[in-house]
C-alpha cells in the first residue's frame, strides 16, 4: 500500500537571480562604448593637426619677419658727436637679421664712443635699427687729456678740437664731484671782483691751488679756504690789481698777509 504524504513533498525552490552580478555586467557594458573612443581619438588627431598647422605658419611668419637689417638711424641732440659716422660704425656691428640681432651688444658698441653718455637701441620695422642717444655735456677739462661731464664722470675723447674755453680741473679721480662743486662756489666768489677761475686742482693731501684768467696762480692750502680767499680778493683789489701782469704766484697760506712771487721779464712777455 502506498501512502501519499503530501507534507513530505518538497518542491524545488526557484533560484533567485543574483541581481548584483547582472548589474555589474551591464555597467561594464555601458562604460566600454567603441563609438565614444573613436570620437576622442578623432578629436585628438584634429588638435594635433591644428597645432602642426599653427607651428608651421608661425615658423613661416618668423622667417618672413627676420629680415636683414637695411638701415641704422641715430637720434638725439649732437653737438660734438658725428651721428653719421656713428651710424656707419654701428652698421658694421650688425651681425644678424632683425629678430636675431643682439641689441645689448649693439648698445655696448654705441656706449664705447666716448661722446655717448646714454643709449637706447630698439628694432624698427620692417628691417631697421634705431639708436636714441644722450650726448656727453663737458663742463671742464680733466688734466691734460680728459673731460668732465655735468655729473662728474671722466671721459676721454679725441682732444684734437680745442676745449680751452673750459676750466682745467685736476685731483684724485674719486673726488671729481667735490672738485666741480668747489669750482662753482669759488667762481661765484671771484666773479664779484671781475676775476675768473680758469684752473682748480686738489692735491692728494687736501690742499687747493687756483689759476686765474690773468695768469696768477693762487696757493690756497687746505685750512680756512674761504676766509683766506676773501682776504686775497681784498688785497688784490686794493694793492695787486694794478700789477697783475707782473705777478706769477700769490701764496695766501699766511695768517696776516700773502707772499707774492713776481714774474721775470721773460715770463712777463709770455703773460702779455
C-alpha atoms as a PDB file:
ATOM      1  CA  UNK A   1       0.000   0.000   0.000  1.00  0.00           C
ATOM      2  CA  UNK A   2       1.255   3.150  -0.933  1.00  0.00           C
ATOM      3  CA  UNK A   3       0.797   6.138   1.290  1.00  0.00           C
ATOM      4  CA  UNK A   4       0.937   9.545  -0.071  1.00  0.00           C
ATOM      5  CA  UNK A   5       2.305  12.125   2.354  1.00  0.00           C
ATOM      6  CA  UNK A   6       1.925  15.487   0.675  1.00  0.00           C
ATOM      7  CA  UNK A   7       3.520  17.387   3.550  1.00  0.00           C
ATOM      8  CA  UNK A   8       6.714  15.441   2.957  1.00  0.00           C
ATOM      9  CA  UNK A   9       6.974  16.549  -0.657  1.00  0.00           C
ATOM     10  CA  UNK A  10       9.464  19.339  -1.228  1.00  0.00           C
ATOM     11  CA  UNK A  11       9.091  21.157  -4.454  1.00  0.00           C
ATOM     12  CA  UNK A  12      12.315  22.562  -5.735  1.00  0.00           C
ATOM     13  CA  UNK A  13      12.596  26.252  -4.858  1.00  0.00           C
ATOM     14  CA  UNK A  14      13.364  28.571  -7.731  1.00  0.00           C
ATOM     15  CA  UNK A  15      16.807  30.098  -7.542  1.00  0.00           C
ATOM     16  CA  UNK A  16      16.634  33.861  -7.082  1.00  0.00           C
ATOM     17  CA  UNK A  17      18.663  35.741  -9.624  1.00  0.00           C
ATOM     18  CA  UNK A  18      21.811  37.421  -8.354  1.00  0.00           C
ATOM     19  CA  UNK A  19      20.992  40.939  -9.250  1.00  0.00           C
ATOM     20  CA  UNK A  20      24.398  42.347  -8.324  1.00  0.00           C
ATOM     21  CA  UNK A  21      26.193  40.236 -10.922  1.00  0.00           C
ATOM     22  CA  UNK A  22      23.790  41.277 -13.630  1.00  0.00           C
ATOM     23  CA  UNK A  23      24.137  44.944 -12.646  1.00  0.00           C
ATOM     24  CA  UNK A  24      27.906  44.750 -12.761  1.00  0.00           C
ATOM     25  CA  UNK A  25      27.845  43.124 -16.106  1.00  0.00           C
ATOM     26  CA  UNK A  26      25.500  45.759 -17.534  1.00  0.00           C
ATOM     27  CA  UNK A  27      27.596  48.632 -16.065  1.00  0.00           C
ATOM     28  CA  UNK A  28      30.734  47.276 -17.714  1.00  0.00           C
ATOM     29  CA  UNK A  29      28.907  47.082 -20.986  1.00  0.00           C
ATOM     30  CA  UNK A  30      27.831  50.730 -20.640  1.00  0.00           C
ATOM     31  CA  UNK A  31      31.424  52.068 -19.888  1.00  0.00           C
ATOM     32  CA  UNK A  32      33.069  50.462 -22.878  1.00  0.00           C
ATOM     33  CA  UNK A  33      31.433  52.052 -25.893  1.00  0.00           C
ATOM     34  CA  UNK A  34      33.532  51.907 -29.050  1.00  0.00           C
ATOM     35  CA  UNK A  35      31.872  54.967 -30.667  1.00  0.00           C
ATOM     36  CA  UNK A  36      32.954  57.259 -27.772  1.00  0.00           C
ATOM     37  CA  UNK A  37      36.607  56.139 -28.005  1.00  0.00           C
ATOM     38  CA  UNK A  38      36.602  56.849 -31.707  1.00  0.00           C
ATOM     39  CA  UNK A  39      35.338  60.374 -31.110  1.00  0.00           C
ATOM     40  CA  UNK A  40      38.129  61.019 -28.591  1.00  0.00           C
ATOM     41  CA  UNK A  41      40.790  59.718 -30.975  1.00  0.00           C
ATOM     42  CA  UNK A  42      39.435  61.848 -33.813  1.00  0.00           C
ATOM     43  CA  UNK A  43      39.389  64.949 -31.606  1.00  0.00           C
ATOM     44  CA  UNK A  44      42.995  64.410 -30.530  1.00  0.00           C
ATOM     45  CA  UNK A  45      44.031  63.934 -34.125  1.00  0.00           C
ATOM     46  CA  UNK A  46      42.354  67.180 -35.155  1.00  0.00           C
ATOM     47  CA  UNK A  47      44.052  69.047 -32.297  1.00  0.00           C
ATOM     48  CA  UNK A  48      47.471  67.715 -33.298  1.00  0.00           C
ATOM     49  CA  UNK A  49      46.849  68.669 -36.914  1.00  0.00           C
ATOM     50  CA  UNK A  50      45.776  72.170 -35.878  1.00  0.00           C
ATOM     51  CA  UNK A  51      48.867  72.591 -33.686  1.00  0.00           C
ATOM     52  CA  UNK A  52      51.113  71.497 -36.534  1.00  0.00           C
ATOM     53  CA  UNK A  53      49.462  73.998 -38.872  1.00  0.00           C
ATOM     54  CA  UNK A  54      49.857  76.819 -36.332  1.00  0.00           C
ATOM     55  CA  UNK A  55      53.533  75.992 -35.742  1.00  0.00           C
ATOM     56  CA  UNK A  56      54.155  75.834 -39.451  1.00  0.00           C
ATOM     57  CA  UNK A  57      52.521  79.203 -40.064  1.00  0.00           C
ATOM     58  CA  UNK A  58      54.366  80.758 -37.093  1.00  0.00           C
ATOM     59  CA  UNK A  59      57.682  79.499 -38.438  1.00  0.00           C
ATOM     60  CA  UNK A  60      56.961  80.963 -41.853  1.00  0.00           C
ATOM     61  CA  UNK A  61      55.901  84.284 -40.278  1.00  0.00           C
ATOM     62  CA  UNK A  62      59.089  84.485 -38.216  1.00  0.00           C
ATOM     63  CA  UNK A  63      61.188  83.647 -41.249  1.00  0.00           C
ATOM     64  CA  UNK A  64      59.416  86.397 -43.186  1.00  0.00           C
ATOM     65  CA  UNK A  65      59.897  88.968 -40.379  1.00  0.00           C
ATOM     66  CA  UNK A  66      63.537  88.083 -39.602  1.00  0.00           C
ATOM     67  CA  UNK A  67      64.962  90.099 -42.476  1.00  0.00           C
ATOM     68  CA  UNK A  68      68.476  91.531 -42.820  1.00  0.00           C
ATOM     69  CA  UNK A  69      68.876  94.981 -41.266  1.00  0.00           C
ATOM     70  CA  UNK A  70      68.706  97.568 -44.019  1.00  0.00           C
ATOM     71  CA  UNK A  71      69.378 100.792 -42.074  1.00  0.00           C
ATOM     72  CA  UNK A  72      70.736 102.171 -38.788  1.00  0.00           C
ATOM     73  CA  UNK A  73      69.442 105.581 -37.654  1.00  0.00           C
ATOM     74  CA  UNK A  74      70.623 107.873 -34.843  1.00  0.00           C
ATOM     75  CA  UNK A  75      68.572 110.482 -32.970  1.00  0.00           C
ATOM     76  CA  UNK A  76      69.386 112.946 -30.214  1.00  0.00           C
ATOM     77  CA  UNK A  77      70.935 116.374 -29.800  1.00  0.00           C
ATOM     78  CA  UNK A  78      74.501 116.175 -31.042  1.00  0.00           C
ATOM     79  CA  UNK A  79      76.993 119.000 -30.723  1.00  0.00           C
ATOM     80  CA  UNK A  80      80.282 117.151 -30.555  1.00  0.00           C
ATOM     81  CA  UNK A  81      79.287 113.724 -31.873  1.00  0.00           C
ATOM     82  CA  UNK A  82      79.274 112.838 -35.576  1.00  0.00           C
ATOM     83  CA  UNK A  83      75.979 110.984 -35.903  1.00  0.00           C
ATOM     84  CA  UNK A  84      76.630 109.818 -39.461  1.00  0.00           C
ATOM     85  CA  UNK A  85      79.992 108.343 -38.507  1.00  0.00           C
ATOM     86  CA  UNK A  86      78.429 106.596 -35.514  1.00  0.00           C
ATOM     87  CA  UNK A  87      75.635 105.107 -37.651  1.00  0.00           C
ATOM     88  CA  UNK A  88      78.191 103.843 -40.173  1.00  0.00           C
ATOM     89  CA  UNK A  89      80.227 102.261 -37.401  1.00  0.00           C
ATOM     90  CA  UNK A  90      77.184 100.557 -35.872  1.00  0.00           C
ATOM     91  CA  UNK A  91      76.179  99.189 -39.289  1.00  0.00           C
ATOM     92  CA  UNK A  92      79.428  97.221 -39.311  1.00  0.00           C
ATOM     93  CA  UNK A  93      78.492  95.774 -35.903  1.00  0.00           C
ATOM     94  CA  UNK A  94      75.198  94.329 -37.178  1.00  0.00           C
ATOM     95  CA  UNK A  95      75.881  90.594 -37.470  1.00  0.00           C
ATOM     96  CA  UNK A  96      72.381  89.062 -37.641  1.00  0.00           C
ATOM     97  CA  UNK A  97      68.867  89.638 -39.057  1.00  0.00           C
ATOM     98  CA  UNK A  98      66.482  91.971 -37.285  1.00  0.00           C
ATOM     99  CA  UNK A  99      64.844  89.447 -34.919  1.00  0.00           C
ATOM    100  CA  UNK A 100      68.072  87.625 -34.119  1.00  0.00           C
ATOM    101  CA  UNK A 101      70.028  90.825 -33.524  1.00  0.00           C
ATOM    102  CA  UNK A 102      71.733  91.190 -30.132  1.00  0.00           C
ATOM    103  CA  UNK A 103      70.571  94.639 -29.020  1.00  0.00           C
ATOM    104  CA  UNK A 104      72.735  94.598 -25.881  1.00  0.00           C
ATOM    105  CA  UNK A 105      75.970  94.171 -27.818  1.00  0.00           C
ATOM    106  CA  UNK A 106      74.889  96.927 -30.195  1.00  0.00           C
ATOM    107  CA  UNK A 107      74.216  99.206 -27.228  1.00  0.00           C
ATOM    108  CA  UNK A 108      77.660  98.399 -25.801  1.00  0.00           C
ATOM    109  CA  UNK A 109      79.207  99.319 -29.141  1.00  0.00           C
ATOM    110  CA  UNK A 110      77.341 102.637 -29.013  1.00  0.00           C
ATOM    111  CA  UNK A 111      78.494 103.414 -25.466  1.00  0.00           C
ATOM    112  CA  UNK A 112      82.073 102.664 -26.496  1.00  0.00           C
ATOM    113  CA  UNK A 113      82.066 106.058 -28.189  1.00  0.00           C
ATOM    114  CA  UNK A 114      83.367 108.462 -25.515  1.00  0.00           C
ATOM    115  CA  UNK A 115      80.883 111.174 -26.512  1.00  0.00           C
ATOM    116  CA  UNK A 116      77.844 108.940 -25.848  1.00  0.00           C
ATOM    117  CA  UNK A 117      76.516 109.329 -22.304  1.00  0.00           C
ATOM    118  CA  UNK A 118      73.412 107.120 -22.608  1.00  0.00           C
ATOM    119  CA  UNK A 119      71.974 104.995 -25.415  1.00  0.00           C
ATOM    120  CA  UNK A 120      68.755 103.114 -26.147  1.00  0.00           C
ATOM    121  CA  UNK A 121      68.672 100.642 -29.055  1.00  0.00           C
ATOM    122  CA  UNK A 122      65.431  99.265 -30.469  1.00  0.00           C
ATOM    123  CA  UNK A 123      64.191  97.434 -33.541  1.00  0.00           C
ATOM    124  CA  UNK A 124      62.296  99.471 -36.112  1.00  0.00           C
ATOM    125  CA  UNK A 125      60.117  97.624 -38.593  1.00  0.00           C
ATOM    126  CA  UNK A 126      60.287  96.380 -41.229  1.00  0.00           C
ATOM    127  CA  UNK A 127      64.079  95.895 -41.002  1.00  0.00           C
ATOM    128  CA  UNK A 128      65.931  98.782 -39.348  1.00  0.00           C
ATOM    129  CA  UNK A 129      67.617  99.675 -36.070  1.00  0.00           C
ATOM    130  CA  UNK A 130      67.098 102.980 -34.270  1.00  0.00           C
ATOM    131  CA  UNK A 131      69.519 104.293 -31.651  1.00  0.00           C
ATOM    132  CA  UNK A 132      68.481 107.178 -29.358  1.00  0.00           C
ATOM    133  CA  UNK A 133      71.453 108.764 -27.610  1.00  0.00           C
ATOM    134  CA  UNK A 134      72.198 111.401 -24.989  1.00  0.00           C
ATOM    135  CA  UNK A 135      75.483 113.141 -25.655  1.00  0.00           C
ATOM    136  CA  UNK A 136      78.096 113.952 -23.050  1.00  0.00           C
ATOM    137  CA  UNK A 137      77.953 117.540 -21.785  1.00  0.00           C
ATOM    138  CA  UNK A 138      81.515 118.651 -20.996  1.00  0.00           C
ATOM    139  CA  UNK A 139      81.787 121.181 -18.179  1.00  0.00           C
ATOM    140  CA  UNK A 140      85.545 121.113 -17.587  1.00  0.00           C
ATOM    141  CA  UNK A 141      88.831 119.691 -18.744  1.00  0.00           C
ATOM    142  CA  UNK A 142      90.368 116.997 -16.600  1.00  0.00           C
ATOM    143  CA  UNK A 143      94.134 117.017 -16.505  1.00  0.00           C
ATOM    144  CA  UNK A 144      95.804 117.068 -19.896  1.00  0.00           C
ATOM    145  CA  UNK A 145      93.568 114.752 -21.908  1.00  0.00           C
ATOM    146  CA  UNK A 146      90.261 114.114 -20.186  1.00  0.00           C
ATOM    147  CA  UNK A 147      86.946 115.918 -19.883  1.00  0.00           C
ATOM    148  CA  UNK A 148      84.343 116.006 -17.121  1.00  0.00           C
ATOM    149  CA  UNK A 149      80.604 115.865 -17.717  1.00  0.00           C
ATOM    150  CA  UNK A 150      77.952 117.551 -15.571  1.00  0.00           C
ATOM    151  CA  UNK A 151      77.759 114.511 -13.279  1.00  0.00           C
ATOM    152  CA  UNK A 152      81.463 114.494 -12.545  1.00  0.00           C
ATOM    153  CA  UNK A 153      82.235 111.496 -14.765  1.00  0.00           C
ATOM    154  CA  UNK A 154      85.549 111.490 -16.611  1.00  0.00           C
ATOM    155  CA  UNK A 155      85.580 110.616 -20.311  1.00  0.00           C
ATOM    156  CA  UNK A 156      88.438 110.586 -22.777  1.00  0.00           C
ATOM    157  CA  UNK A 157      87.518 111.839 -26.259  1.00  0.00           C
ATOM    158  CA  UNK A 158      89.818 112.892 -29.051  1.00  0.00           C
ATOM    159  CA  UNK A 159      91.075 116.304 -27.942  1.00  0.00           C
ATOM    160  CA  UNK A 160      92.183 117.415 -31.379  1.00  0.00           C
ATOM    161  CA  UNK A 161      89.481 120.099 -31.178  1.00  0.00           C
ATOM    162  CA  UNK A 162      90.022 122.991 -28.798  1.00  0.00           C
ATOM    163  CA  UNK A 163      88.415 122.982 -25.379  1.00  0.00           C
ATOM    164  CA  UNK A 164      90.432 125.845 -23.958  1.00  0.00           C
ATOM    165  CA  UNK A 165      87.257 127.697 -23.065  1.00  0.00           C
ATOM    166  CA  UNK A 166      86.596 125.090 -20.360  1.00  0.00           C
ATOM    167  CA  UNK A 167      88.251 125.363 -16.944  1.00  0.00           C
ATOM    168  CA  UNK A 168      91.005 122.881 -16.177  1.00  0.00           C
ATOM    169  CA  UNK A 169      90.366 120.761 -13.084  1.00  0.00           C
ATOM    170  CA  UNK A 170      92.630 118.188 -11.531  1.00  0.00           C
ATOM    171  CA  UNK A 171      92.849 115.938  -8.490  1.00  0.00           C
ATOM    172  CA  UNK A 172      92.049 112.414  -7.294  1.00  0.00           C
ATOM    173  CA  UNK A 173      89.632 110.651  -9.672  1.00  0.00           C
ATOM    174  CA  UNK A 174      87.215 109.792  -6.859  1.00  0.00           C
ATOM    175  CA  UNK A 175      86.920 113.492  -5.906  1.00  0.00           C
ATOM    176  CA  UNK A 176      85.643 114.809  -9.245  1.00  0.00           C
ATOM    177  CA  UNK A 177      82.209 115.854  -7.950  1.00  0.00           C
ATOM    178  CA  UNK A 178      83.675 117.626  -4.937  1.00  0.00           C
ATOM    179  CA  UNK A 179      86.107 119.490  -7.196  1.00  0.00           C
ATOM    180  CA  UNK A 180      83.326 120.571  -9.564  1.00  0.00           C
ATOM    181  CA  UNK A 181      81.207 121.827  -6.654  1.00  0.00           C
ATOM    182  CA  UNK A 182      84.168 123.704  -5.223  1.00  0.00           C
ATOM    183  CA  UNK A 183      84.874 125.279  -8.599  1.00  0.00           C
ATOM    184  CA  UNK A 184      81.302 126.580  -8.867  1.00  0.00           C
ATOM    185  CA  UNK A 185      81.359 128.014  -5.343  1.00  0.00           C
ATOM    186  CA  UNK A 186      84.693 129.749  -5.865  1.00  0.00           C
ATOM    187  CA  UNK A 187      83.656 131.056  -9.277  1.00  0.00           C
ATOM    188  CA  UNK A 188      80.747 132.891  -7.663  1.00  0.00           C
ATOM    189  CA  UNK A 189      83.087 134.360  -5.049  1.00  0.00           C
ATOM    190  CA  UNK A 190      85.641 135.603  -7.599  1.00  0.00           C
ATOM    191  CA  UNK A 191      83.087 136.858 -10.114  1.00  0.00           C
ATOM    192  CA  UNK A 192      82.199 139.725  -7.744  1.00  0.00           C
ATOM    193  CA  UNK A 193      85.694 141.106  -8.295  1.00  0.00           C
ATOM    194  CA  UNK A 194      85.695 140.582 -12.044  1.00  0.00           C
ATOM    195  CA  UNK A 195      88.070 137.620 -11.813  1.00  0.00           C
ATOM    196  CA  UNK A 196      87.515 134.230 -13.422  1.00  0.00           C
ATOM    197  CA  UNK A 197      88.992 130.926 -12.300  1.00  0.00           C
ATOM    198  CA  UNK A 198      90.464 129.015 -15.241  1.00  0.00           C
ATOM    199  CA  UNK A 199      92.033 126.206 -13.231  1.00  0.00           C
ATOM    200  CA  UNK A 200      91.478 124.426  -9.928  1.00  0.00           C
ATOM    201  CA  UNK A 201      93.405 121.481  -8.532  1.00  0.00           C
ATOM    202  CA  UNK A 202      93.134 119.424  -5.384  1.00  0.00           C
ATOM    203  CA  UNK A 203      96.303 117.779  -4.127  1.00  0.00           C
ATOM    204  CA  UNK A 204      96.216 114.343  -2.552  1.00  0.00           C
ATOM    205  CA  UNK A 205      96.872 115.858   0.888  1.00  0.00           C
ATOM    206  CA  UNK A 206      93.854 118.156   0.530  1.00  0.00           C
ATOM    207  CA  UNK A 207      95.463 121.450  -0.495  1.00  0.00           C
ATOM    208  CA  UNK A 208      93.821 123.673  -3.119  1.00  0.00           C
ATOM    209  CA  UNK A 209      95.524 125.633  -5.914  1.00  0.00           C
ATOM    210  CA  UNK A 210      93.830 128.076  -8.272  1.00  0.00           C
ATOM    211  CA  UNK A 211      94.695 129.693 -11.578  1.00  0.00           C
ATOM    212  CA  UNK A 212      93.023 132.952 -12.628  1.00  0.00           C
ATOM    213  CA  UNK A 213      92.277 134.248 -16.089  1.00  0.00           C
ATOM    214  CA  UNK A 214      95.037 136.879 -15.717  1.00  0.00           C
ATOM    215  CA  UNK A 215      97.599 134.092 -15.265  1.00  0.00           C
ATOM    216  CA  UNK A 216      98.071 134.454 -11.493  1.00  0.00           C
ATOM    217  CA  UNK A 217      98.410 131.202  -9.568  1.00  0.00           C
ATOM    218  CA  UNK A 218      96.980 131.198  -6.061  1.00  0.00           C
ATOM    219  CA  UNK A 219      98.320 128.720  -3.495  1.00  0.00           C
ATOM    220  CA  UNK A 220      95.451 128.400  -1.021  1.00  0.00           C
ATOM    221  CA  UNK A 221      96.319 125.331   1.083  1.00  0.00           C
ATOM    222  CA  UNK A 222      93.715 123.251   2.868  1.00  0.00           C
ATOM    223  CA  UNK A 223      92.858 125.161   6.052  1.00  0.00           C
ATOM    224  CA  UNK A 224      90.354 128.054   6.241  1.00  0.00           C
ATOM    225  CA  UNK A 225      89.987 128.139   2.475  1.00  0.00           C
ATOM    226  CA  UNK A 226      87.141 130.643   2.153  1.00  0.00           C
ATOM    227  CA  UNK A 227      88.495 133.189   4.702  1.00  0.00           C
ATOM    228  CA  UNK A 228      91.898 133.079   3.020  1.00  0.00           C
ATOM    229  CA  UNK A 229      90.429 133.621  -0.430  1.00  0.00           C
ATOM    230  CA  UNK A 230      88.278 136.532   0.756  1.00  0.00           C
ATOM    231  CA  UNK A 231      91.398 138.114   2.227  1.00  0.00           C
ATOM    232  CA  UNK A 232      93.243 137.566  -1.058  1.00  0.00           C
ATOM    233  CA  UNK A 233      90.461 139.239  -3.039  1.00  0.00           C
ATOM    234  CA  UNK A 234      90.561 142.221  -0.705  1.00  0.00           C
ATOM    235  CA  UNK A 235      94.354 142.551  -1.027  1.00  0.00           C
ATOM    236  CA  UNK A 236      94.189 142.065  -4.772  1.00  0.00           C
ATOM    237  CA  UNK A 237      91.584 144.779  -5.258  1.00  0.00           C
ATOM    238  CA  UNK A 238      93.449 147.324  -3.097  1.00  0.00           C
ATOM    239  CA  UNK A 239      97.120 146.559  -3.841  1.00  0.00           C
ATOM    240  CA  UNK A 240      97.783 143.971  -6.521  1.00  0.00           C
ATOM    241  CA  UNK A 241      95.354 144.560  -9.361  1.00  0.00           C
ATOM    242  CA  UNK A 242      97.446 147.354 -10.892  1.00  0.00           C
ATOM    243  CA  UNK A 243     100.437 144.999 -11.189  1.00  0.00           C
ATOM    244  CA  UNK A 244      98.569 141.810 -12.092  1.00  0.00           C
ATOM    245  CA  UNK A 245     100.545 141.271 -15.312  1.00  0.00           C
ATOM    246  CA  UNK A 246     103.790 141.174 -13.288  1.00  0.00           C
ATOM    247  CA  UNK A 247     102.594 138.644 -10.695  1.00  0.00           C
ATOM    248  CA  UNK A 248     103.239 134.946 -11.207  1.00  0.00           C
ATOM    249  CA  UNK A 249     102.056 133.454  -7.912  1.00  0.00           C
ATOM    250  CA  UNK A 250     100.416 134.513  -4.674  1.00  0.00           C
ATOM    251  CA  UNK A 251     100.737 132.285  -1.611  1.00  0.00           C
ATOM    252  CA  UNK A 252      97.889 133.012   0.817  1.00  0.00           C
ATOM    253  CA  UNK A 253      98.770 130.380   3.437  1.00  0.00           C
ATOM    254  CA  UNK A 254      99.711 133.062   5.947  1.00  0.00           C
ATOM    255  CA  UNK A 255      97.836 134.459   8.913  1.00  0.00           C
ATOM    256  CA  UNK A 256      98.284 138.190   8.342  1.00  0.00           C
ATOM    257  CA  UNK A 257      99.248 138.571   4.703  1.00  0.00           C
ATOM    258  CA  UNK A 258     100.319 136.955   1.428  1.00  0.00           C
ATOM    259  CA  UNK A 259     103.587 136.140  -0.323  1.00  0.00           C
ATOM    260  CA  UNK A 260     103.920 137.384  -3.902  1.00  0.00           C
ATOM    261  CA  UNK A 261     106.269 135.912  -6.491  1.00  0.00           C
ATOM    262  CA  UNK A 262     106.910 138.262  -9.365  1.00  0.00           C
ATOM    263  CA  UNK A 263     107.430 137.293 -12.947  1.00  0.00           C
ATOM    264  CA  UNK A 264     110.791 137.660 -14.635  1.00  0.00           C
ATOM    265  CA  UNK A 265     110.947 139.864 -17.711  1.00  0.00           C
ATOM    266  CA  UNK A 266     110.761 136.779 -19.951  1.00  0.00           C
ATOM    267  CA  UNK A 267     107.690 135.479 -18.138  1.00  0.00           C
ATOM    268  CA  UNK A 268     106.080 138.908 -18.222  1.00  0.00           C
ATOM    269  CA  UNK A 269     106.390 138.844 -22.012  1.00  0.00           C
ATOM    270  CA  UNK A 270     104.768 135.399 -22.083  1.00  0.00           C
ATOM    271  CA  UNK A 271     101.934 136.611 -19.873  1.00  0.00           C
ATOM    272  CA  UNK A 272     101.275 139.580 -22.123  1.00  0.00           C
END
